[in-house]
Amino acid sequence: MAKGKASDAVVGGLVIATIANGLGLLAQASWINFVVTGGVLLLAASVDAISRRRRSTSGL
């Protein structure tokens, strides 16, 4: 079961908003916004999965 904190959700929302705002200020195409946001979400999910797997195998 996944356990998260409200502060983690707020930080995640701020990251997504910052990406959207920054790419908008750089006048990038909307598809680039989707690709970058998807890449960041994929990276975050991968890092979380790897850290959870390491934590479970080490017994912490």
N, C-alpha and C. Protein backbone atom coordinates (compact mmCIF):
# COMPACT_ATOMS: atom_id res chain seq x y z
N MET A 1 0.85 -1.18 0.00
CA MET A 1 0.00 0.00 0.00
C MET A 1 0.89 1.24 0.00
N ALA A 2 0.56 2.17 -0.82
CA ALA A 2 1.34 3.40 -0.93
C ALA A 2 0.98 4.35 0.20
N LYS A 3 2.01 4.94 0.78
CA LYS A 3 1.80 5.91 1.83
C LYS A 3 2.46 7.21 1.41
N GLY A 4 1.71 8.28 1.46
CA GLY A 4 2.26 9.57 1.09
C GLY A 4 1.82 10.63 2.07
N LYS A 5 2.52 11.72 2.04
CA LYS A 5 2.19 12.84 2.91
C LYS A 5 1.58 13.95 2.08
N ALA A 6 0.81 14.78 2.73
CA ALA A 6 0.19 15.92 2.05
C ALA A 6 1.27 16.87 1.52
N SER A 7 2.34 17.01 2.26
CA SER A 7 3.42 17.91 1.82
C SER A 7 4.07 17.39 0.53
N ASP A 8 4.16 16.07 0.37
CA ASP A 8 4.70 15.50 -0.86
C ASP A 8 3.81 15.82 -2.05
N ALA A 9 2.51 15.78 -1.82
CA ALA A 9 1.56 16.10 -2.90
C ALA A 9 1.66 17.57 -3.29
N VAL A 10 1.84 18.44 -2.30
CA VAL A 10 1.98 19.87 -2.58
C VAL A 10 3.26 20.13 -3.37
N VAL A 11 4.35 19.49 -2.98
CA VAL A 11 5.62 19.66 -3.70
C VAL A 11 5.48 19.16 -5.13
N GLY A 12 4.82 18.03 -5.32
CA GLY A 12 4.60 17.50 -6.66
C GLY A 12 3.78 18.44 -7.52
N GLY A 13 2.75 19.01 -6.92
CA GLY A 13 1.93 19.98 -7.65
C GLY A 13 2.71 21.22 -8.03
N LEU A 14 3.57 21.67 -7.13
CA LEU A 14 4.41 22.84 -7.43
C LEU A 14 5.40 22.55 -8.55
N VAL A 15 5.94 21.34 -8.58
CA VAL A 15 6.87 20.97 -9.65
C VAL A 15 6.15 20.97 -11.00
N ILE A 16 4.97 20.38 -11.04
CA ILE A 16 4.22 20.33 -12.30
C ILE A 16 3.84 21.75 -12.74
N ALA A 17 3.40 22.58 -11.79
CA ALA A 17 3.03 23.96 -12.13
C ALA A 17 4.23 24.75 -12.61
N THR A 18 5.39 24.52 -12.00
CA THR A 18 6.61 25.22 -12.41
C THR A 18 7.02 24.83 -13.81
N ILE A 19 6.90 23.56 -14.13
CA ILE A 19 7.23 23.10 -15.49
C ILE A 19 6.30 23.76 -16.50
N ALA A 20 5.01 23.74 -16.21
CA ALA A 20 4.04 24.33 -17.14
C ALA A 20 4.28 25.83 -17.30
N ASN A 21 4.53 26.51 -16.21
CA ASN A 21 4.75 27.95 -16.25
C ASN A 21 6.05 28.28 -16.98
N GLY A 22 7.10 27.56 -16.67
CA GLY A 22 8.40 27.82 -17.30
C GLY A 22 8.38 27.58 -18.79
N LEU A 23 7.77 26.48 -19.22
CA LEU A 23 7.70 26.21 -20.65
C LEU A 23 6.78 27.19 -21.36
N GLY A 24 5.76 27.66 -20.65
CA GLY A 24 4.89 28.68 -21.22
C GLY A 24 5.64 29.99 -21.42
N LEU A 25 6.46 30.36 -20.45
CA LEU A 25 7.26 31.58 -20.57
C LEU A 25 8.30 31.48 -21.68
N LEU A 26 8.75 30.26 -21.94
CA LEU A 26 9.72 30.04 -23.01
C LEU A 26 9.05 29.88 -24.37
N ALA A 27 7.72 30.01 -24.39
CA ALA A 27 6.91 29.92 -25.62
C ALA A 27 7.13 28.59 -26.35
N GLN A 28 7.12 27.51 -25.57
CA GLN A 28 7.26 26.18 -26.16
C GLN A 28 5.89 25.65 -26.59
N ALA A 29 5.89 24.75 -27.53
CA ALA A 29 4.65 24.14 -27.99
C ALA A 29 4.03 23.31 -26.87
N SER A 30 2.72 23.17 -26.90
CA SER A 30 2.04 22.46 -25.81
C SER A 30 2.45 21.00 -25.73
N TRP A 31 2.79 20.37 -26.85
CA TRP A 31 3.17 18.96 -26.80
C TRP A 31 4.49 18.79 -26.05
N ILE A 32 5.36 19.80 -26.11
CA ILE A 32 6.62 19.73 -25.36
C ILE A 32 6.33 19.74 -23.86
N ASN A 33 5.34 20.53 -23.46
CA ASN A 33 4.94 20.57 -22.05
C ASN A 33 4.51 19.18 -21.59
N PHE A 34 3.70 18.50 -22.40
CA PHE A 34 3.23 17.16 -22.04
C PHE A 34 4.38 16.17 -21.97
N VAL A 35 5.31 16.25 -22.89
CA VAL A 35 6.44 15.32 -22.92
C VAL A 35 7.34 15.53 -21.70
N VAL A 36 7.65 16.78 -21.40
CA VAL A 36 8.52 17.07 -20.26
C VAL A 36 7.83 16.68 -18.95
N THR A 37 6.57 17.02 -18.81
CA THR A 37 5.83 16.67 -17.60
C THR A 37 5.76 15.15 -17.44
N GLY A 38 5.47 14.45 -18.51
CA GLY A 38 5.44 12.99 -18.45
C GLY A 38 6.78 12.39 -18.09
N GLY A 39 7.84 12.95 -18.64
CA GLY A 39 9.19 12.47 -18.31
C GLY A 39 9.53 12.67 -16.84
N VAL A 40 9.16 13.83 -16.30
CA VAL A 40 9.42 14.11 -14.89
C VAL A 40 8.60 13.16 -14.01
N LEU A 41 7.34 12.94 -14.36
CA LEU A 41 6.52 12.02 -13.58
C LEU A 41 7.05 10.58 -13.65
N LEU A 42 7.50 10.17 -14.83
CA LEU A 42 8.07 8.84 -14.99
C LEU A 42 9.35 8.69 -14.16
N LEU A 43 10.19 9.71 -14.19
CA LEU A 43 11.42 9.69 -13.39
C LEU A 43 11.10 9.62 -11.90
N ALA A 44 10.15 10.43 -11.44
CA ALA A 44 9.79 10.43 -10.02
C ALA A 44 9.23 9.08 -9.59
N ALA A 45 8.37 8.49 -10.41
CA ALA A 45 7.80 7.18 -10.07
C ALA A 45 8.88 6.10 -10.05
N SER A 46 9.83 6.18 -10.97
CA SER A 46 10.92 5.19 -11.00
C SER A 46 11.81 5.32 -9.78
N VAL A 47 12.17 6.53 -9.42
CA VAL A 47 13.01 6.74 -8.24
C VAL A 47 12.29 6.25 -6.99
N ASP A 48 11.00 6.52 -6.88
CA ASP A 48 10.22 6.07 -5.73
C ASP A 48 10.16 4.55 -5.67
N ALA A 49 9.93 3.91 -6.80
CA ALA A 49 9.86 2.45 -6.83
C ALA A 49 11.19 1.82 -6.46
N ILE A 50 12.28 2.38 -6.97
CA ILE A 50 13.60 1.83 -6.65
C ILE A 50 13.92 2.01 -5.18
N SER A 51 13.62 3.18 -4.63
CA SER A 51 13.92 3.42 -3.21
C SER A 51 13.06 2.53 -2.32
N ARG A 52 11.79 2.30 -2.69
CA ARG A 52 10.95 1.40 -1.90
C ARG A 52 11.47 -0.03 -1.97
N ARG A 53 11.92 -0.44 -3.14
CA ARG A 53 12.45 -1.80 -3.27
C ARG A 53 13.71 -1.99 -2.44
N ARG A 54 14.60 -0.99 -2.47
CA ARG A 54 15.82 -1.09 -1.67
C ARG A 54 15.52 -1.08 -0.19
N ARG A 55 14.55 -0.26 0.20
CA ARG A 55 14.18 -0.17 1.61
C ARG A 55 13.58 -1.48 2.09
N SER A 56 12.78 -2.13 1.24
CA SER A 56 12.15 -3.39 1.66
C SER A 56 13.15 -4.54 1.73
N THR A 57 14.16 -4.52 0.86
CA THR A 57 15.16 -5.60 0.91
C THR A 57 16.15 -5.40 2.04
N SER A 58 16.36 -4.16 2.47
CA SER A 58 17.31 -3.92 3.56
C SER A 58 16.64 -4.08 4.92
N GLY A 59 15.30 -4.18 4.94
CA GLY A 59 14.61 -4.42 6.19
C GLY A 59 14.28 -3.16 6.98
N LEU A 60 14.39 -1.99 6.38
CA LEU A 60 14.08 -0.76 7.11
C LEU A 60 12.64 -0.41 7.05
